[in-house]
Amino acid sequence: MVEAVLKQEEELMSTQQERFPVAATAWDFAKSTQDDKSGGVANRKRLIALFQLIIGASIGFAIFHYWSQTLAYVVWGIAGTTGLVAFISPLGAYRYIEKAVGGLGWLLGTIMGVLLLVPLYFLFFAPIRLFSRGGKKNAIFAKPQTDSFWVTREVNTESRSTYETQY
C-alpha cells in the first residue's frame, strides 16, 4: 500500500514539474520523493506519534492521580491505540486518524467560537455601546447644520509658499 501511495505522489510530482518549471527550481521534488522512499515521512509521523503518546500518557497519569481512574484508562487507551496505529501504519490508517481528529477539532472550534463569542457580544460589547452613547445622536446620521461642508479659502496662487504648505 505504501508503494502505491509513493507511486501516486511520484507521478503527481513529475506532472507538477512539467507544468510549473519555476516551482521545480525553487523546490526540489526529487529530494522529497527520495525522502519518501527512504521512510523520512513515515519516520516523522512516528516521531510525532511518539510525542503524542508521551503527552497522552502524562495527561492520563494526571487524571488518574487527581481525578478519576476510569477516565485515565480511557485516555491511556486512546493514546496507546493511536500510538500503535502510528507505529504500524504511519502513512495509512494513521493519516485517516489525523484527518478525523483535525476535522473534529475544526468542528469543535467553530461551535465553541459561536457559543462563546455571541454571548460575549451581547453581554459585553452591546451594553458598552449603549452606555457610551449616553443618549447622544450619532454624528453620521445627523442632519447637516449647513447646506455644504465646503470651506472657502482665500488662496494667493502667486506665492510659492501656497504650494509648499497647502494645508
C-alpha atoms as a PDB file:
ATOM      1  CA  MET A   1       0.000   0.000   0.000  1.00  0.00           C
ATOM      2  CA  VAL A   2       2.840   2.370   0.828  1.00  0.00           C
ATOM      3  CA  GLU A   3       4.405   1.681  -2.558  1.00  0.00           C
ATOM      4  CA  ALA A   4       1.136   2.606  -4.307  1.00  0.00           C
ATOM      5  CA  VAL A   5       0.907   5.868  -2.379  1.00  0.00           C
ATOM      6  CA  LEU A   6       4.534   6.702  -3.159  1.00  0.00           C
ATOM      7  CA  LYS A   7       3.973   5.901  -6.843  1.00  0.00           C
ATOM      8  CA  GLN A   8       0.954   8.246  -6.975  1.00  0.00           C
ATOM      9  CA  GLU A   9       2.906  11.026  -5.263  1.00  0.00           C
ATOM     10  CA  GLU A  10       5.827  10.478  -7.656  1.00  0.00           C
ATOM     11  CA  GLU A  11       3.518  10.775 -10.686  1.00  0.00           C
ATOM     12  CA  LEU A  12       1.936  13.905  -9.238  1.00  0.00           C
ATOM     13  CA  MET A  13       5.320  15.496  -8.606  1.00  0.00           C
ATOM     14  CA  SER A  14       6.579  14.743 -12.118  1.00  0.00           C
ATOM     15  CA  THR A  15       3.389  16.288 -13.533  1.00  0.00           C
ATOM     16  CA  GLN A  16       3.886  19.363 -11.372  1.00  0.00           C
ATOM     17  CA  GLN A  17       7.492  19.672 -12.555  1.00  0.00           C
ATOM     18  CA  GLU A  18       6.324  19.709 -16.158  1.00  0.00           C
ATOM     19  CA  ARG A  19       3.525  22.210 -15.527  1.00  0.00           C
ATOM     20  CA  PHE A  20       5.413  24.527 -13.177  1.00  0.00           C
ATOM     21  CA  PRO A  21       9.103  24.744 -14.117  1.00  0.00           C
ATOM     22  CA  VAL A  22       9.697  27.689 -11.778  1.00  0.00           C
ATOM     23  CA  ALA A  23       8.418  25.689  -8.833  1.00  0.00           C
ATOM     24  CA  ALA A  24      10.707  22.829  -9.848  1.00  0.00           C
ATOM     25  CA  THR A  25      13.739  25.085  -9.458  1.00  0.00           C
ATOM     26  CA  ALA A  26      12.527  26.536  -6.175  1.00  0.00           C
ATOM     27  CA  TRP A  27      11.615  23.211  -4.591  1.00  0.00           C
ATOM     28  CA  ASP A  28      13.484  20.023  -5.299  1.00  0.00           C
ATOM     29  CA  PHE A  29      10.753  17.475  -5.957  1.00  0.00           C
ATOM     30  CA  ALA A  30      13.217  14.651  -6.461  1.00  0.00           C
ATOM     31  CA  LYS A  31      14.576  15.142  -2.956  1.00  0.00           C
ATOM     32  CA  SER A  32      11.124  14.879  -1.377  1.00  0.00           C
ATOM     33  CA  THR A  33      10.469  11.702  -3.391  1.00  0.00           C
ATOM     34  CA  GLN A  34      13.774  10.255  -2.192  1.00  0.00           C
ATOM     35  CA  ASP A  35      12.766  11.226   1.347  1.00  0.00           C
ATOM     36  CA  ASP A  36       9.503   9.277   0.930  1.00  0.00           C
ATOM     37  CA  LYS A  37      11.301   6.194  -0.394  1.00  0.00           C
ATOM     38  CA  SER A  38      13.749   6.164   2.480  1.00  0.00           C
ATOM     39  CA  GLY A  39      10.923   6.399   5.016  1.00  0.00           C
ATOM     40  CA  GLY A  40      11.531  10.014   6.043  1.00  0.00           C
ATOM     41  CA  VAL A  41       7.863  10.970   6.062  1.00  0.00           C
ATOM     42  CA  ALA A  42       6.912   7.775   7.871  1.00  0.00           C
ATOM     43  CA  ASN A  43       9.637   8.333  10.453  1.00  0.00           C
ATOM     44  CA  ARG A  44       8.465  11.917  11.043  1.00  0.00           C
ATOM     45  CA  LYS A  45       4.903  10.658  11.548  1.00  0.00           C
ATOM     46  CA  ARG A  46       6.176   8.060  14.011  1.00  0.00           C
ATOM     47  CA  LEU A  47       8.124  10.715  15.908  1.00  0.00           C
ATOM     48  CA  ILE A  48       5.077  12.970  16.112  1.00  0.00           C
ATOM     49  CA  ALA A  49       3.020   9.996  17.305  1.00  0.00           C
ATOM     50  CA  LEU A  50       5.640   9.240  19.965  1.00  0.00           C
ATOM     51  CA  PHE A  51       5.322  12.777  21.330  1.00  0.00           C
ATOM     52  CA  GLN A  52       1.529  12.480  21.252  1.00  0.00           C
ATOM     53  CA  LEU A  53       1.766   9.173  23.101  1.00  0.00           C
ATOM     54  CA  ILE A  54       4.009  10.689  25.792  1.00  0.00           C
ATOM     55  CA  ILE A  55       1.681  13.667  26.243  1.00  0.00           C
ATOM     56  CA  GLY A  56      -1.397  11.411  26.316  1.00  0.00           C
ATOM     57  CA  ALA A  57       0.214   9.141  28.896  1.00  0.00           C
ATOM     58  CA  SER A  58       1.166  12.161  31.031  1.00  0.00           C
ATOM     59  CA  ILE A  59      -2.357  13.565  30.874  1.00  0.00           C
ATOM     60  CA  GLY A  60      -3.718  10.110  31.732  1.00  0.00           C
ATOM     61  CA  PHE A  61      -1.390   9.929  34.737  1.00  0.00           C
ATOM     62  CA  ALA A  62      -2.512  13.349  35.967  1.00  0.00           C
ATOM     63  CA  ILE A  63      -6.179  12.379  35.573  1.00  0.00           C
ATOM     64  CA  PHE A  64      -5.515   9.075  37.342  1.00  0.00           C
ATOM     65  CA  HIS A  65      -3.773  10.767  40.238  1.00  0.00           C
ATOM     66  CA  TYR A  66      -6.035  13.809  40.707  1.00  0.00           C
ATOM     67  CA  TRP A  67      -9.445  12.914  39.306  1.00  0.00           C
ATOM     68  CA  SER A  68     -10.784   9.580  38.011  1.00  0.00           C
ATOM     69  CA  GLN A  69      -9.204   6.207  37.393  1.00  0.00           C
ATOM     70  CA  THR A  70     -11.798   5.226  34.794  1.00  0.00           C
ATOM     71  CA  LEU A  71     -11.246   8.365  32.734  1.00  0.00           C
ATOM     72  CA  ALA A  72      -7.478   7.814  32.965  1.00  0.00           C
ATOM     73  CA  TYR A  73      -7.881   4.317  31.485  1.00  0.00           C
ATOM     74  CA  VAL A  74      -9.895   5.798  28.613  1.00  0.00           C
ATOM     75  CA  VAL A  75      -7.199   8.431  27.926  1.00  0.00           C
ATOM     76  CA  TRP A  76      -4.454   5.795  28.069  1.00  0.00           C
ATOM     77  CA  GLY A  77      -6.441   3.537  25.724  1.00  0.00           C
ATOM     78  CA  ILE A  78      -6.921   6.290  23.142  1.00  0.00           C
ATOM     79  CA  ALA A  79      -3.289   7.415  23.338  1.00  0.00           C
ATOM     80  CA  GLY A  80      -1.970   3.852  23.190  1.00  0.00           C
ATOM     81  CA  THR A  81      -4.181   2.837  20.268  1.00  0.00           C
ATOM     82  CA  THR A  82      -3.291   5.941  18.294  1.00  0.00           C
ATOM     83  CA  GLY A  83       0.408   5.421  19.000  1.00  0.00           C
ATOM     84  CA  LEU A  84       0.258   1.762  17.999  1.00  0.00           C
ATOM     85  CA  VAL A  85      -1.535   2.571  14.741  1.00  0.00           C
ATOM     86  CA  ALA A  86       1.039   5.301  14.001  1.00  0.00           C
ATOM     87  CA  PHE A  87       3.959   2.931  14.540  1.00  0.00           C
ATOM     88  CA  ILE A  88       2.402   0.182  12.408  1.00  0.00           C
ATOM     89  CA  SER A  89       0.887   2.258   9.576  1.00  0.00           C
ATOM     90  CA  PRO A  90       2.071   5.884   9.648  1.00  0.00           C
ATOM     91  CA  LEU A  91       1.107   6.600   6.016  1.00  0.00           C
ATOM     92  CA  GLY A  92      -2.084   4.546   6.012  1.00  0.00           C
ATOM     93  CA  ALA A  93      -4.521   4.330   8.908  1.00  0.00           C
ATOM     94  CA  TYR A  94      -2.762   6.987  10.997  1.00  0.00           C
ATOM     95  CA  ARG A  95      -3.296   9.524   8.187  1.00  0.00           C
ATOM     96  CA  TYR A  96      -7.058   8.969   8.439  1.00  0.00           C
ATOM     97  CA  ILE A  97      -6.952   9.287  12.225  1.00  0.00           C
ATOM     98  CA  GLU A  98      -5.149  12.620  11.833  1.00  0.00           C
ATOM     99  CA  LYS A  99      -7.763  13.828   9.325  1.00  0.00           C
ATOM    100  CA  ALA A 100     -10.625  12.745  11.591  1.00  0.00           C
ATOM    101  CA  VAL A 101      -9.137  14.428  14.653  1.00  0.00           C
ATOM    102  CA  GLY A 102      -8.368  17.560  12.605  1.00  0.00           C
ATOM    103  CA  GLY A 103     -11.960  17.684  11.331  1.00  0.00           C
ATOM    104  CA  LEU A 104     -13.291  17.185  14.846  1.00  0.00           C
ATOM    105  CA  GLY A 105     -11.045  19.995  16.085  1.00  0.00           C
ATOM    106  CA  TRP A 106     -12.284  22.314  13.342  1.00  0.00           C
ATOM    107  CA  LEU A 107     -15.923  21.472  14.159  1.00  0.00           C
ATOM    108  CA  LEU A 108     -15.447  21.979  17.898  1.00  0.00           C
ATOM    109  CA  GLY A 109     -13.576  25.235  17.283  1.00  0.00           C
ATOM    110  CA  THR A 110     -16.389  26.550  15.115  1.00  0.00           C
ATOM    111  CA  ILE A 111     -19.075  25.555  17.621  1.00  0.00           C
ATOM    112  CA  MET A 112     -17.134  26.937  20.596  1.00  0.00           C
ATOM    113  CA  GLY A 113     -16.461  30.174  18.739  1.00  0.00           C
ATOM    114  CA  VAL A 114     -20.170  30.705  18.187  1.00  0.00           C
ATOM    115  CA  LEU A 115     -21.138  29.610  21.695  1.00  0.00           C
ATOM    116  CA  LEU A 116     -18.581  31.893  23.340  1.00  0.00           C
ATOM    117  CA  LEU A 117     -18.471  34.941  21.079  1.00  0.00           C
ATOM    118  CA  VAL A 118     -22.190  35.527  20.542  1.00  0.00           C
ATOM    119  CA  PRO A 119     -22.965  35.825  24.282  1.00  0.00           C
ATOM    120  CA  LEU A 120     -19.786  37.871  24.737  1.00  0.00           C
ATOM    121  CA  TYR A 121     -21.012  40.312  22.112  1.00  0.00           C
ATOM    122  CA  PHE A 122     -24.486  40.694  23.622  1.00  0.00           C
ATOM    123  CA  LEU A 123     -23.300  40.772  27.250  1.00  0.00           C
ATOM    124  CA  PHE A 124     -20.208  42.921  26.807  1.00  0.00           C
ATOM    125  CA  PHE A 125     -19.965  44.956  23.598  1.00  0.00           C
ATOM    126  CA  ALA A 126     -23.626  45.867  23.103  1.00  0.00           C
ATOM    127  CA  PRO A 127     -24.108  47.319  26.633  1.00  0.00           C
ATOM    128  CA  ILE A 128     -20.840  49.219  26.386  1.00  0.00           C
ATOM    129  CA  ARG A 129     -22.001  50.722  23.093  1.00  0.00           C
ATOM    130  CA  LEU A 130     -25.344  51.728  24.585  1.00  0.00           C
ATOM    131  CA  PHE A 131     -23.809  53.270  27.714  1.00  0.00           C
ATOM    132  CA  SER A 132     -21.055  55.072  25.821  1.00  0.00           C
ATOM    133  CA  ARG A 133     -23.624  56.736  23.576  1.00  0.00           C
ATOM    134  CA  GLY A 134     -25.353  58.275  26.560  1.00  0.00           C
ATOM    135  CA  GLY A 135     -28.346  59.442  24.553  1.00  0.00           C
ATOM    136  CA  LYS A 136     -26.251  61.378  22.058  1.00  0.00           C
ATOM    137  CA  LYS A 137     -27.185  61.372  18.425  1.00  0.00           C
ATOM    138  CA  ASN A 138     -24.887  59.616  16.046  1.00  0.00           C
ATOM    139  CA  ALA A 139     -22.975  62.211  14.007  1.00  0.00           C
ATOM    140  CA  ILE A 140     -23.061  60.043  10.894  1.00  0.00           C
ATOM    141  CA  PHE A 141     -26.850  60.005  10.729  1.00  0.00           C
ATOM    142  CA  ALA A 142     -27.406  63.561  11.985  1.00  0.00           C
ATOM    143  CA  LYS A 143     -28.766  66.158   9.590  1.00  0.00           C
ATOM    144  CA  PRO A 144     -26.154  68.677   8.496  1.00  0.00           C
ATOM    145  CA  GLN A 145     -26.223  72.143  10.027  1.00  0.00           C
ATOM    146  CA  THR A 146     -25.435  73.822   6.720  1.00  0.00           C
ATOM    147  CA  ASP A 147     -26.125  73.225   3.079  1.00  0.00           C
ATOM    148  CA  SER A 148     -22.489  72.468   2.342  1.00  0.00           C
ATOM    149  CA  PHE A 149     -19.389  71.398   4.210  1.00  0.00           C
ATOM    150  CA  TRP A 150     -17.144  73.157   1.728  1.00  0.00           C
ATOM    151  CA  VAL A 151     -14.681  75.509   3.396  1.00  0.00           C
ATOM    152  CA  THR A 152     -13.971  78.622   1.380  1.00  0.00           C
ATOM    153  CA  ARG A 153     -10.438  79.833   1.442  1.00  0.00           C
ATOM    154  CA  GLU A 154      -8.711  82.864   0.093  1.00  0.00           C
ATOM    155  CA  VAL A 155      -5.856  81.496  -1.930  1.00  0.00           C
ATOM    156  CA  ASN A 156      -2.975  83.523  -3.181  1.00  0.00           C
ATOM    157  CA  THR A 157      -1.650  81.466  -6.071  1.00  0.00           C
ATOM    158  CA  GLU A 158       1.080  83.949  -6.801  1.00  0.00           C
ATOM    159  CA  SER A 159       3.421  82.909  -3.957  1.00  0.00           C
ATOM    160  CA  ARG A 160       5.488  79.783  -3.730  1.00  0.00           C
ATOM    161  CA  SER A 161       4.572  79.156  -0.083  1.00  0.00           C
ATOM    162  CA  THR A 162       0.973  78.284  -1.019  1.00  0.00           C
ATOM    163  CA  TYR A 163       2.259  75.320  -2.996  1.00  0.00           C
ATOM    164  CA  GLU A 164       4.688  74.185  -0.297  1.00  0.00           C
ATOM    165  CA  THR A 165       2.211  74.431   2.612  1.00  0.00           C
ATOM    166  CA  GLN A 166      -1.141  73.561   1.121  1.00  0.00           C
ATOM    167  CA  TYR A 167      -2.955  72.938   4.365  1.00  0.00           C
END
